Amino acid sequence: MPNIGMITLDALDEAATAGWWRERLGAEYAGQYPGFTMLNVPGFSARLGFQKVESVSLDKNRVHLDLEADGDREQAVAGFVAAGAVLLEEHTEDPSFGWSVLRDPFGIIFCLSDPH
């Protein structure tokens, strides 16, 4: 049965986007090629890939990351916002579990949830 080897995200500037995510996730570069950058993320068996495209939609990703906070979600969200992400939505309907929807400085939408 196949394993997930990489999650690939479209980016207008794949090198800058990969660099931003590398810093946020404590990742290491796994490979850099013209128009494509790969990261190894600690604790994640698949690689994270960023490929250069000519245009991206700021409304909806075809693939997105679901990140889990390792402590206080609000503090984690604040760290991403301080690094240039934009908070789009908060989902706190269930008092036992919530998540935030953010957009990174390069237009990639992702979620950050409470620990679970």
PDB file of N, CA and C in Angstrom:
ATOM      1  N   MET A   1       0.841  -1.172   0.000  1.00  0.00           N
ATOM      2  CA  MET A   1       0.000   0.000   0.000  1.00  0.00           C
ATOM      3  C   MET A   1       0.892   1.242   0.000  1.00  0.00           C
ATOM      4  N   PRO A   2       0.583   2.240  -0.827  1.00  0.00           N
ATOM      5  CA  PRO A   2       1.409   3.447  -0.880  1.00  0.00           C
ATOM      6  C   PRO A   2       1.379   4.234   0.427  1.00  0.00           C
ATOM      7  N   ASN A   3       2.473   4.920   0.705  1.00  0.00           N
ATOM      8  CA  ASN A   3       2.569   5.836   1.837  1.00  0.00           C
ATOM      9  C   ASN A   3       2.532   7.257   1.318  1.00  0.00           C
ATOM     10  N   ILE A   4       2.116   8.171   2.131  1.00  0.00           N
ATOM     11  CA  ILE A   4       2.181   9.571   1.753  1.00  0.00           C
ATOM     12  C   ILE A   4       3.636   9.999   1.872  1.00  0.00           C
ATOM     13  N   GLY A   5       4.240  10.350   0.763  1.00  0.00           N
ATOM     14  CA  GLY A   5       5.635  10.762   0.758  1.00  0.00           C
ATOM     15  C   GLY A   5       5.811  12.250   0.921  1.00  0.00           C
ATOM     16  N   MET A   6       4.798  13.028   0.440  1.00  0.00           N
ATOM     17  CA  MET A   6       4.930  14.476   0.491  1.00  0.00           C
ATOM     18  C   MET A   6       3.556  15.110   0.295  1.00  0.00           C
ATOM     19  N   ILE A   7       3.355  16.217   0.933  1.00  0.00           N
ATOM     20  CA  ILE A   7       2.209  17.077   0.664  1.00  0.00           C
ATOM     21  C   ILE A   7       2.775  18.286  -0.055  1.00  0.00           C
ATOM     22  N   THR A   8       2.258  18.543  -1.252  1.00  0.00           N
ATOM     23  CA  THR A   8       2.791  19.611  -2.084  1.00  0.00           C
ATOM     24  C   THR A   8       1.802  20.760  -2.166  1.00  0.00           C
ATOM     25  N   LEU A   9       2.325  21.962  -1.984  1.00  0.00           N
ATOM     26  CA  LEU A   9       1.516  23.172  -1.997  1.00  0.00           C
ATOM     27  C   LEU A   9       1.999  24.099  -3.104  1.00  0.00           C
ATOM     28  N   ASP A  10       1.064  24.705  -3.821  1.00  0.00           N
ATOM     29  CA  ASP A  10       1.398  25.680  -4.847  1.00  0.00           C
ATOM     30  C   ASP A  10       1.802  26.994  -4.196  1.00  0.00           C
ATOM     31  N   ALA A  11       2.779  27.678  -4.781  1.00  0.00           N
ATOM     32  CA  ALA A  11       3.239  28.958  -4.243  1.00  0.00           C
ATOM     33  C   ALA A  11       3.793  29.817  -5.373  1.00  0.00           C
ATOM     34  N   LEU A  12       3.555  31.115  -5.295  1.00  0.00           N
ATOM     35  CA  LEU A  12       4.107  32.036  -6.284  1.00  0.00           C
ATOM     36  C   LEU A  12       5.626  32.129  -6.148  1.00  0.00           C
ATOM     37  N   ASP A  13       6.120  32.115  -4.911  1.00  0.00           N
ATOM     38  CA  ASP A  13       7.566  32.134  -4.631  1.00  0.00           C
ATOM     39  C   ASP A  13       7.840  30.952  -3.705  1.00  0.00           C
ATOM     40  N   GLU A  14       8.134  29.802  -4.304  1.00  0.00           N
ATOM     41  CA  GLU A  14       8.233  28.573  -3.512  1.00  0.00           C
ATOM     42  C   GLU A  14       9.382  28.610  -2.514  1.00  0.00           C
ATOM     43  N   ALA A  15      10.484  29.266  -2.851  1.00  0.00           N
ATOM     44  CA  ALA A  15      11.620  29.305  -1.933  1.00  0.00           C
ATOM     45  C   ALA A  15      11.297  30.136  -0.691  1.00  0.00           C
ATOM     46  N   ALA A  16      10.701  31.305  -0.878  1.00  0.00           N
ATOM     47  CA  ALA A  16      10.334  32.151   0.269  1.00  0.00           C
ATOM     48  C   ALA A  16       9.242  31.490   1.113  1.00  0.00           C
ATOM     49  N   THR A  17       8.276  30.861   0.446  1.00  0.00           N
ATOM     50  CA  THR A  17       7.201  30.182   1.167  1.00  0.00           C
ATOM     51  C   THR A  17       7.762  29.036   1.997  1.00  0.00           C
ATOM     52  N   ALA A  18       8.627  28.229   1.394  1.00  0.00           N
ATOM     53  CA  ALA A  18       9.240  27.110   2.119  1.00  0.00           C
ATOM     54  C   ALA A  18      10.078  27.621   3.283  1.00  0.00           C
ATOM     55  N   GLY A  19      10.788  28.711   3.090  1.00  0.00           N
ATOM     56  CA  GLY A  19      11.589  29.282   4.169  1.00  0.00           C
ATOM     57  C   GLY A  19      10.742  29.740   5.347  1.00  0.00           C
ATOM     58  N   TRP A  20       9.604  30.345   5.047  1.00  0.00           N
ATOM     59  CA  TRP A  20       8.695  30.800   6.114  1.00  0.00           C
ATOM     60  C   TRP A  20       8.183  29.597   6.909  1.00  0.00           C
ATOM     61  N   TRP A  21       7.743  28.550   6.192  1.00  0.00           N
ATOM     62  CA  TRP A  21       7.229  27.360   6.876  1.00  0.00           C
ATOM     63  C   TRP A  21       8.345  26.606   7.597  1.00  0.00           C
ATOM     64  N   ARG A  22       9.546  26.606   7.055  1.00  0.00           N
ATOM     65  CA  ARG A  22      10.681  25.951   7.723  1.00  0.00           C
ATOM     66  C   ARG A  22      10.904  26.565   9.096  1.00  0.00           C
ATOM     67  N   GLU A  23      10.861  27.878   9.178  1.00  0.00           N
ATOM     68  CA  GLU A  23      11.038  28.556  10.469  1.00  0.00           C
ATOM     69  C   GLU A  23       9.874  28.283  11.415  1.00  0.00           C
ATOM     70  N   ARG A  24       8.660  28.271  10.920  1.00  0.00           N
ATOM     71  CA  ARG A  24       7.493  28.055  11.777  1.00  0.00           C
ATOM     72  C   ARG A  24       7.465  26.645  12.353  1.00  0.00           C
ATOM     73  N   LEU A  25       7.933  25.647  11.565  1.00  0.00           N
ATOM     74  CA  LEU A  25       7.816  24.241  11.967  1.00  0.00           C
ATOM     75  C   LEU A  25       9.123  23.624  12.443  1.00  0.00           C
ATOM     76  N   GLY A  26      10.212  24.386  12.456  1.00  0.00           N
ATOM     77  CA  GLY A  26      11.506  23.833  12.857  1.00  0.00           C
ATOM     78  C   GLY A  26      11.991  22.769  11.893  1.00  0.00           C
ATOM     79  N   ALA A  27      11.682  22.936  10.619  1.00  0.00           N
ATOM     80  CA  ALA A  27      12.006  21.935   9.596  1.00  0.00           C
ATOM     81  C   ALA A  27      13.410  22.140   9.045  1.00  0.00           C
ATOM     82  N   GLU A  28      13.855  21.152   8.273  1.00  0.00           N
ATOM     83  CA  GLU A  28      15.137  21.206   7.581  1.00  0.00           C
ATOM     84  C   GLU A  28      14.865  21.068   6.082  1.00  0.00           C
ATOM     85  N   TYR A  29      15.701  21.694   5.282  1.00  0.00           N
ATOM     86  CA  TYR A  29      15.560  21.535   3.840  1.00  0.00           C
ATOM     87  C   TYR A  29      15.888  20.100   3.448  1.00  0.00           C
ATOM     88  N   ALA A  30      15.030  19.500   2.617  1.00  0.00           N
ATOM     89  CA  ALA A  30      15.252  18.141   2.130  1.00  0.00           C
ATOM     90  C   ALA A  30      15.715  18.152   0.684  1.00  0.00           C
ATOM     91  N   GLY A  31      15.520  19.254  -0.007  1.00  0.00           N
ATOM     92  CA  GLY A  31      15.944  19.381  -1.392  1.00  0.00           C
ATOM     93  C   GLY A  31      15.431  20.678  -1.975  1.00  0.00           C
ATOM     94  N   GLN A  32      16.247  21.294  -2.812  1.00  0.00           N
ATOM     95  CA  GLN A  32      15.855  22.519  -3.493  1.00  0.00           C
ATOM     96  C   GLN A  32      16.240  22.392  -4.959  1.00  0.00           C
ATOM     97  N   TYR A  33      15.248  22.586  -5.819  1.00  0.00           N
ATOM     98  CA  TYR A  33      15.426  22.467  -7.257  1.00  0.00           C
ATOM     99  C   TYR A  33      14.764  23.677  -7.892  1.00  0.00           C
ATOM    100  N   PRO A  34      15.079  23.982  -9.131  1.00  0.00           N
ATOM    101  CA  PRO A  34      14.405  25.117  -9.774  1.00  0.00           C
ATOM    102  C   PRO A  34      12.884  24.941  -9.722  1.00  0.00           C
ATOM    103  N   GLY A  35      12.219  25.855  -9.026  1.00  0.00           N
ATOM    104  CA  GLY A  35      10.758  25.818  -8.938  1.00  0.00           C
ATOM    105  C   GLY A  35      10.191  24.853  -7.923  1.00  0.00           C
ATOM    106  N   PHE A  36      11.048  24.220  -7.112  1.00  0.00           N
ATOM    107  CA  PHE A  36      10.530  23.234  -6.158  1.00  0.00           C
ATOM    108  C   PHE A  36      11.448  23.147  -4.947  1.00  0.00           C
ATOM    109  N   THR A  37      10.856  23.217  -3.749  1.00  0.00           N
ATOM    110  CA  THR A  37      11.609  23.091  -2.499  1.00  0.00           C
ATOM    111  C   THR A  37      10.900  22.092  -1.602  1.00  0.00           C
ATOM    112  N   MET A  38      11.670  21.193  -0.966  1.00  0.00           N
ATOM    113  CA  MET A  38      11.110  20.188  -0.061  1.00  0.00           C
ATOM    114  C   MET A  38      11.660  20.385   1.348  1.00  0.00           C
ATOM    115  N   LEU A  39      10.816  20.088   2.340  1.00  0.00           N
ATOM    116  CA  LEU A  39      11.201  20.185   3.744  1.00  0.00           C
ATOM    117  C   LEU A  39      10.957  18.862   4.456  1.00  0.00           C
ATOM    118  N   ASN A  40      11.832  18.533   5.410  1.00  0.00           N
ATOM    119  CA  ASN A  40      11.595  17.470   6.384  1.00  0.00           C
ATOM    120  C   ASN A  40      11.147  18.146   7.671  1.00  0.00           C
ATOM    121  N   VAL A  41       9.967  17.769   8.146  1.00  0.00           N
ATOM    122  CA  VAL A  41       9.389  18.371   9.346  1.00  0.00           C
ATOM    123  C   VAL A  41       9.529  17.389  10.504  1.00  0.00           C
ATOM    124  N   PRO A  42      10.106  17.814  11.636  1.00  0.00           N
ATOM    125  CA  PRO A  42      10.249  16.908  12.779  1.00  0.00           C
ATOM    126  C   PRO A  42       8.900  16.319  13.196  1.00  0.00           C
ATOM    127  N   GLY A  43       8.876  15.009  13.424  1.00  0.00           N
ATOM    128  CA  GLY A  43       7.667  14.323  13.869  1.00  0.00           C
ATOM    129  C   GLY A  43       6.659  14.048  12.765  1.00  0.00           C
ATOM    130  N   PHE A  44       6.993  14.329  11.525  1.00  0.00           N
ATOM    131  CA  PHE A  44       6.076  14.140  10.393  1.00  0.00           C
ATOM    132  C   PHE A  44       6.783  13.267   9.371  1.00  0.00           C
ATOM    133  N   SER A  45       6.218  12.137   9.046  1.00  0.00           N
ATOM    134  CA  SER A  45       6.919  11.189   8.182  1.00  0.00           C
ATOM    135  C   SER A  45       6.955  11.619   6.715  1.00  0.00           C
ATOM    136  N   ALA A  46       5.979  12.380   6.261  1.00  0.00           N
ATOM    137  CA  ALA A  46       5.972  12.840   4.871  1.00  0.00           C
ATOM    138  C   ALA A  46       6.754  14.146   4.744  1.00  0.00           C
ATOM    139  N   ARG A  47       7.229  14.412   3.559  1.00  0.00           N
ATOM    140  CA  ARG A  47       7.878  15.698   3.292  1.00  0.00           C
ATOM    141  C   ARG A  47       6.816  16.729   2.938  1.00  0.00           C
ATOM    142  N   LEU A  48       7.173  17.968   3.117  1.00  0.00           N
ATOM    143  CA  LEU A  48       6.332  19.086   2.732  1.00  0.00           C
ATOM    144  C   LEU A  48       6.993  19.727   1.520  1.00  0.00           C
ATOM    145  N   GLY A  49       6.272  19.796   0.389  1.00  0.00           N
ATOM    146  CA  GLY A  49       6.836  20.340  -0.837  1.00  0.00           C
ATOM    147  C   GLY A  49       6.134  21.612  -1.268  1.00  0.00           C
ATOM    148  N   PHE A  50       6.883  22.506  -1.877  1.00  0.00           N
ATOM    149  CA  PHE A  50       6.355  23.768  -2.384  1.00  0.00           C
ATOM    150  C   PHE A  50       6.779  23.901  -3.837  1.00  0.00           C
ATOM    151  N   GLN A  51       5.780  24.037  -4.739  1.00  0.00           N
ATOM    152  CA  GLN A  51       6.102  24.147  -6.155  1.00  0.00           C
ATOM    153  C   GLN A  51       5.661  25.500  -6.688  1.00  0.00           C
ATOM    154  N   LYS A  52       6.500  26.061  -7.545  1.00  0.00           N
ATOM    155  CA  LYS A  52       6.218  27.364  -8.131  1.00  0.00           C
ATOM    156  C   LYS A  52       5.100  27.241  -9.159  1.00  0.00           C
ATOM    157  N   VAL A  53       4.120  28.135  -9.055  1.00  0.00           N
ATOM    158  CA  VAL A  53       3.044  28.231 -10.032  1.00  0.00           C
ATOM    159  C   VAL A  53       2.902  29.699 -10.439  1.00  0.00           C
ATOM    160  N   GLU A  54       2.222  29.934 -11.529  1.00  0.00           N
ATOM    161  CA  GLU A  54       2.051  31.300 -12.035  1.00  0.00           C
ATOM    162  C   GLU A  54       0.957  32.077 -11.310  1.00  0.00           C
ATOM    163  N   SER A  55      -0.030  31.365 -10.741  1.00  0.00           N
ATOM    164  CA  SER A  55      -1.094  32.054 -10.002  1.00  0.00           C
ATOM    165  C   SER A  55      -1.646  31.123  -8.930  1.00  0.00           C
ATOM    166  N   VAL A  56      -2.145  31.721  -7.849  1.00  0.00           N
ATOM    167  CA  VAL A  56      -2.796  30.968  -6.775  1.00  0.00           C
ATOM    168  C   VAL A  56      -4.080  31.681  -6.413  1.00  0.00           C
ATOM    169  N   SER A  57      -5.029  30.944  -5.857  1.00  0.00           N
ATOM    170  CA  SER A  57      -6.277  31.520  -5.377  1.00  0.00           C
ATOM    171  C   SER A  57      -6.141  31.834  -3.899  1.00  0.00           C
ATOM    172  N   LEU A  58      -6.524  33.036  -3.501  1.00  0.00           N
ATOM    173  CA  LEU A  58      -6.496  33.400  -2.086  1.00  0.00           C
ATOM    174  C   LEU A  58      -7.802  33.014  -1.396  1.00  0.00           C
ATOM    175  N   ASP A  59      -8.744  32.425  -2.137  1.00  0.00           N
ATOM    176  CA  ASP A  59     -10.032  32.056  -1.567  1.00  0.00           C
ATOM    177  C   ASP A  59     -10.071  30.636  -1.029  1.00  0.00           C
ATOM    178  N   LYS A  60      -9.429  29.696  -1.734  1.00  0.00           N
ATOM    179  CA  LYS A  60      -9.539  28.299  -1.337  1.00  0.00           C
ATOM    180  C   LYS A  60      -8.307  27.523  -1.790  1.00  0.00           C
ATOM    181  N   ASN A  61      -7.707  26.775  -0.879  1.00  0.00           N
ATOM    182  CA  ASN A  61      -6.626  25.859  -1.240  1.00  0.00           C
ATOM    183  C   ASN A  61      -7.222  24.557  -1.742  1.00  0.00           C
ATOM    184  N   ARG A  62      -6.515  23.894  -2.604  1.00  0.00           N
ATOM    185  CA  ARG A  62      -6.912  22.550  -3.001  1.00  0.00           C
ATOM    186  C   ARG A  62      -6.445  21.540  -1.969  1.00  0.00           C
ATOM    187  N   VAL A  63      -5.399  21.884  -1.226  1.00  0.00           N
ATOM    188  CA  VAL A  63      -4.879  21.076  -0.127  1.00  0.00           C
ATOM    189  C   VAL A  63      -4.553  22.040   0.993  1.00  0.00           C
ATOM    190  N   HIS A  64      -4.803  21.641   2.225  1.00  0.00           N
ATOM    191  CA  HIS A  64      -4.394  22.512   3.321  1.00  0.00           C
ATOM    192  C   HIS A  64      -3.827  21.696   4.465  1.00  0.00           C
ATOM    193  N   LEU A  65      -3.096  22.374   5.315  1.00  0.00           N
ATOM    194  CA  LEU A  65      -2.496  21.748   6.477  1.00  0.00           C
ATOM    195  C   LEU A  65      -3.405  21.926   7.677  1.00  0.00           C
ATOM    196  N   ASP A  66      -3.544  20.875   8.463  1.00  0.00           N
ATOM    197  CA  ASP A  66      -4.220  20.941   9.755  1.00  0.00           C
ATOM    198  C   ASP A  66      -3.140  20.772  10.813  1.00  0.00           C
ATOM    199  N   LEU A  67      -2.782  21.871  11.443  1.00  0.00           N
ATOM    200  CA  LEU A  67      -1.765  21.850  12.482  1.00  0.00           C
ATOM    201  C   LEU A  67      -2.431  21.745  13.843  1.00  0.00           C
ATOM    202  N   GLU A  68      -1.783  21.077  14.771  1.00  0.00           N
ATOM    203  CA  GLU A  68      -2.280  20.923  16.138  1.00  0.00           C
ATOM    204  C   GLU A  68      -1.356  21.688  17.079  1.00  0.00           C
ATOM    205  N   ALA A  69      -1.927  22.606  17.861  1.00  0.00           N
ATOM    206  CA  ALA A  69      -1.127  23.369  18.821  1.00  0.00           C
ATOM    207  C   ALA A  69      -0.561  22.416  19.864  1.00  0.00           C
ATOM    208  N   ASP A  70       0.668  22.686  20.302  1.00  0.00           N
ATOM    209  CA  ASP A  70       1.269  21.846  21.333  1.00  0.00           C
ATOM    210  C   ASP A  70       1.024  22.409  22.729  1.00  0.00           C
ATOM    211  N   GLY A  71       0.141  23.347  22.827  1.00  0.00           N
ATOM    212  CA  GLY A  71      -0.230  23.969  24.103  1.00  0.00           C
ATOM    213  C   GLY A  71      -1.424  24.876  23.872  1.00  0.00           C
ATOM    214  N   ASP A  72      -1.269  26.123  24.240  1.00  0.00           N
ATOM    215  CA  ASP A  72      -2.341  27.100  24.090  1.00  0.00           C
ATOM    216  C   ASP A  72      -2.494  27.524  22.631  1.00  0.00           C
ATOM    217  N   ARG A  73      -3.674  27.256  22.045  1.00  0.00           N
ATOM    218  CA  ARG A  73      -3.903  27.591  20.630  1.00  0.00           C
ATOM    219  C   ARG A  73      -3.832  29.094  20.392  1.00  0.00           C
ATOM    220  N   GLU A  74      -4.414  29.889  21.295  1.00  0.00           N
ATOM    221  CA  GLU A  74      -4.402  31.342  21.100  1.00  0.00           C
ATOM    222  C   GLU A  74      -2.971  31.874  21.038  1.00  0.00           C
ATOM    223  N   GLN A  75      -2.108  31.337  21.855  1.00  0.00           N
ATOM    224  CA  GLN A  75      -0.706  31.748  21.842  1.00  0.00           C
ATOM    225  C   GLN A  75      -0.043  31.326  20.529  1.00  0.00           C
ATOM    226  N   ALA A  76      -0.352  30.129  20.076  1.00  0.00           N
ATOM    227  CA  ALA A  76       0.207  29.655  18.814  1.00  0.00           C
ATOM    228  C   ALA A  76      -0.284  30.514  17.650  1.00  0.00           C
ATOM    229  N   VAL A  77      -1.568  30.852  17.646  1.00  0.00           N
ATOM    230  CA  VAL A  77      -2.115  31.717  16.598  1.00  0.00           C
ATOM    231  C   VAL A  77      -1.399  33.062  16.619  1.00  0.00           C
ATOM    232  N   ALA A  78      -1.216  33.617  17.802  1.00  0.00           N
ATOM    233  CA  ALA A  78      -0.537  34.913  17.931  1.00  0.00           C
ATOM    234  C   ALA A  78       0.870  34.853  17.341  1.00  0.00           C
ATOM    235  N   GLY A  79       1.565  33.736  17.537  1.00  0.00           N
ATOM    236  CA  GLY A  79       2.902  33.577  16.971  1.00  0.00           C
ATOM    237  C   GLY A  79       2.879  33.569  15.453  1.00  0.00           C
ATOM    238  N   PHE A  80       1.909  32.876  14.868  1.00  0.00           N
ATOM    239  CA  PHE A  80       1.790  32.860  13.416  1.00  0.00           C
ATOM    240  C   PHE A  80       1.436  34.247  12.887  1.00  0.00           C
ATOM    241  N   VAL A  81       0.517  34.940  13.562  1.00  0.00           N
ATOM    242  CA  VAL A  81       0.124  36.285  13.131  1.00  0.00           C
ATOM    243  C   VAL A  81       1.320  37.239  13.224  1.00  0.00           C
ATOM    244  N   ALA A  82       2.087  37.138  14.302  1.00  0.00           N
ATOM    245  CA  ALA A  82       3.276  37.988  14.455  1.00  0.00           C
ATOM    246  C   ALA A  82       4.287  37.725  13.342  1.00  0.00           C
ATOM    247  N   ALA A  83       4.287  36.496  12.801  1.00  0.00           N
ATOM    248  CA  ALA A  83       5.219  36.138  11.728  1.00  0.00           C
ATOM    249  C   ALA A  83       4.665  36.464  10.347  1.00  0.00           C
ATOM    250  N   GLY A  84       3.469  37.071  10.301  1.00  0.00           N
ATOM    251  CA  GLY A  84       2.933  37.508   9.015  1.00  0.00           C
ATOM    252  C   GLY A  84       1.687  36.806   8.539  1.00  0.00           C
ATOM    253  N   ALA A  85       1.199  35.805   9.261  1.00  0.00           N
ATOM    254  CA  ALA A  85      -0.048  35.142   8.873  1.00  0.00           C
ATOM    255  C   ALA A  85      -1.231  36.049   9.195  1.00  0.00           C
ATOM    256  N   VAL A  86      -2.363  35.771   8.564  1.00  0.00           N
ATOM    257  CA  VAL A  86      -3.593  36.518   8.798  1.00  0.00           C
ATOM    258  C   VAL A  86      -4.633  35.556   9.364  1.00  0.00           C
ATOM    259  N   LEU A  87      -5.243  35.930  10.477  1.00  0.00           N
ATOM    260  CA  LEU A  87      -6.314  35.130  11.062  1.00  0.00           C
ATOM    261  C   LEU A  87      -7.590  35.398  10.276  1.00  0.00           C
ATOM    262  N   LEU A  88      -8.189  34.341   9.713  1.00  0.00           N
ATOM    263  CA  LEU A  88      -9.395  34.477   8.894  1.00  0.00           C
ATOM    264  C   LEU A  88     -10.664  34.138   9.654  1.00  0.00           C
ATOM    265  N   GLU A  89     -10.625  33.058  10.439  1.00  0.00           N
ATOM    266  CA  GLU A  89     -11.824  32.585  11.144  1.00  0.00           C
ATOM    267  C   GLU A  89     -11.430  31.921  12.448  1.00  0.00           C
ATOM    268  N   GLU A  90     -12.336  31.967  13.409  1.00  0.00           N
ATOM    269  CA  GLU A  90     -12.216  31.223  14.666  1.00  0.00           C
ATOM    270  C   GLU A  90     -13.430  30.303  14.770  1.00  0.00           C
ATOM    271  N   HIS A  91     -13.204  29.060  15.126  1.00  0.00           N
ATOM    272  CA  HIS A  91     -14.285  28.090  15.315  1.00  0.00           C
ATOM    273  C   HIS A  91     -14.231  27.610  16.757  1.00  0.00           C
ATOM    274  N   THR A  92     -15.114  28.129  17.574  1.00  0.00           N
ATOM    275  CA  THR A  92     -15.126  27.806  19.006  1.00  0.00           C
ATOM    276  C   THR A  92     -16.520  27.399  19.474  1.00  0.00           C
ATOM    277  N   GLU A  93     -17.326  26.873  18.550  1.00  0.00           N
ATOM    278  CA  GLU A  93     -18.693  26.479  18.898  1.00  0.00           C
ATOM    279  C   GLU A  93     -18.726  25.399  19.968  1.00  0.00           C
ATOM    280  N   ASP A  94     -17.798  24.467  19.889  1.00  0.00           N
ATOM    281  CA  ASP A  94     -17.690  23.385  20.871  1.00  0.00           C
ATOM    282  C   ASP A  94     -16.659  23.817  21.920  1.00  0.00           C
ATOM    283  N   PRO A  95     -17.073  23.991  23.180  1.00  0.00           N
ATOM    284  CA  PRO A  95     -16.121  24.464  24.195  1.00  0.00           C
ATOM    285  C   PRO A  95     -14.957  23.506  24.455  1.00  0.00           C
ATOM    286  N   SER A  96     -15.061  22.253  24.020  1.00  0.00           N
ATOM    287  CA  SER A  96     -13.986  21.299  24.267  1.00  0.00           C
ATOM    288  C   SER A  96     -12.976  21.221  23.118  1.00  0.00           C
ATOM    289  N   PHE A  97     -13.293  21.843  21.982  1.00  0.00           N
ATOM    290  CA  PHE A  97     -12.378  21.781  20.846  1.00  0.00           C
ATOM    291  C   PHE A  97     -12.644  22.947  19.898  1.00  0.00           C
ATOM    292  N   GLY A  98     -11.585  23.652  19.554  1.00  0.00           N
ATOM    293  CA  GLY A  98     -11.717  24.755  18.613  1.00  0.00           C
ATOM    294  C   GLY A  98     -10.551  24.775  17.648  1.00  0.00           C
ATOM    295  N   TRP A  99     -10.697  25.571  16.593  1.00  0.00           N
ATOM    296  CA  TRP A  99      -9.616  25.741  15.645  1.00  0.00           C
ATOM    297  C   TRP A  99      -9.704  27.112  14.996  1.00  0.00           C
ATOM    298  N   SER A 100      -8.582  27.531  14.475  1.00  0.00           N
ATOM    299  CA  SER A 100      -8.467  28.814  13.796  1.00  0.00           C
ATOM    300  C   SER A 100      -8.075  28.553  12.346  1.00  0.00           C
ATOM    301  N   VAL A 101      -8.602  29.385  11.458  1.00  0.00           N
ATOM    302  CA  VAL A 101      -8.234  29.324  10.052  1.00  0.00           C
ATOM    303  C   VAL A 101      -7.370  30.549   9.773  1.00  0.00           C
ATOM    304  N   LEU A 102      -6.189  30.302   9.211  1.00  0.00           N
ATOM    305  CA  LEU A 102      -5.240  31.378   8.926  1.00  0.00           C
ATOM    306  C   LEU A 102      -4.788  31.316   7.479  1.00  0.00           C
ATOM    307  N   ARG A 103      -4.182  32.407   7.024  1.00  0.00           N
ATOM    308  CA  ARG A 103      -3.559  32.447   5.703  1.00  0.00           C
ATOM    309  C   ARG A 103      -2.129  32.921   5.903  1.00  0.00           C
ATOM    310  N   ASP A 104      -1.172  32.181   5.374  1.00  0.00           N
ATOM    311  CA  ASP A 104       0.229  32.583   5.517  1.00  0.00           C
ATOM    312  C   ASP A 104       0.523  33.777   4.604  1.00  0.00           C
ATOM    313  N   PRO A 105       1.693  34.400   4.720  1.00  0.00           N
ATOM    314  CA  PRO A 105       1.981  35.588   3.910  1.00  0.00           C
ATOM    315  C   PRO A 105       2.000  35.334   2.407  1.00  0.00           C
ATOM    316  N   PHE A 106       1.945  34.058   2.004  1.00  0.00           N
ATOM    317  CA  PHE A 106       2.039  33.708   0.602  1.00  0.00           C
ATOM    318  C   PHE A 106       0.706  33.224   0.040  1.00  0.00           C
ATOM    319  N   GLY A 107      -0.369  33.335   0.843  1.00  0.00           N
ATOM    320  CA  GLY A 107      -1.706  32.996   0.378  1.00  0.00           C
ATOM    321  C   GLY A 107      -2.171  31.592   0.698  1.00  0.00           C
ATOM    322  N   ILE A 108      -1.373  30.785   1.400  1.00  0.00           N
ATOM    323  CA  ILE A 108      -1.773  29.416   1.727  1.00  0.00           C
ATOM    324  C   ILE A 108      -2.636  29.428   2.989  1.00  0.00           C
ATOM    325  N   ILE A 109      -3.827  28.853   2.875  1.00  0.00           N
ATOM    326  CA  ILE A 109      -4.763  28.777   3.986  1.00  0.00           C
ATOM    327  C   ILE A 109      -4.498  27.488   4.759  1.00  0.00           C
ATOM    328  N   PHE A 110      -4.481  27.584   6.092  1.00  0.00           N
ATOM    329  CA  PHE A 110      -4.236  26.418   6.944  1.00  0.00           C
ATOM    330  C   PHE A 110      -5.033  26.562   8.227  1.00  0.00           C
ATOM    331  N   CYS A 111      -5.178  25.447   8.939  1.00  0.00           N
ATOM    332  CA  CYS A 111      -5.914  25.424  10.200  1.00  0.00           C
ATOM    333  C   CYS A 111      -4.944  25.121  11.347  1.00  0.00           C
ATOM    334  N   LEU A 112      -5.268  25.665  12.506  1.00  0.00           N
ATOM    335  CA  LEU A 112      -4.512  25.403  13.730  1.00  0.00           C
ATOM    336  C   LEU A 112      -5.530  25.074  14.807  1.00  0.00           C
ATOM    337  N   SER A 113      -5.484  23.847  15.328  1.00  0.00           N
ATOM    338  CA  SER A 113      -6.488  23.392  16.285  1.00  0.00           C
ATOM    339  C   SER A 113      -5.948  23.316  17.697  1.00  0.00           C
ATOM    340  N   ASP A 114      -6.875  23.191  18.635  1.00  0.00           N
ATOM    341  CA  ASP A 114      -6.513  22.885  20.005  1.00  0.00           C
ATOM    342  C   ASP A 114      -5.847  21.511  20.031  1.00  0.00           C
ATOM    343  N   PRO A 115      -5.019  21.233  21.036  1.00  0.00           N
ATOM    344  CA  PRO A 115      -4.460  19.875  21.159  1.00  0.00           C
ATOM    345  C   PRO A 115      -5.584  18.845  21.280  1.00  0.00           C
ATOM    346  N   HIS A 116      -5.390  17.693  20.665  1.00  0.00           N
ATOM    347  CA  HIS A 116      -6.388  16.618  20.785  1.00  0.00           C
ATOM    348  C   HIS A 116      -5.739  15.264  20.681  1.00  0.00           C
TER     349      HIS A 116
END
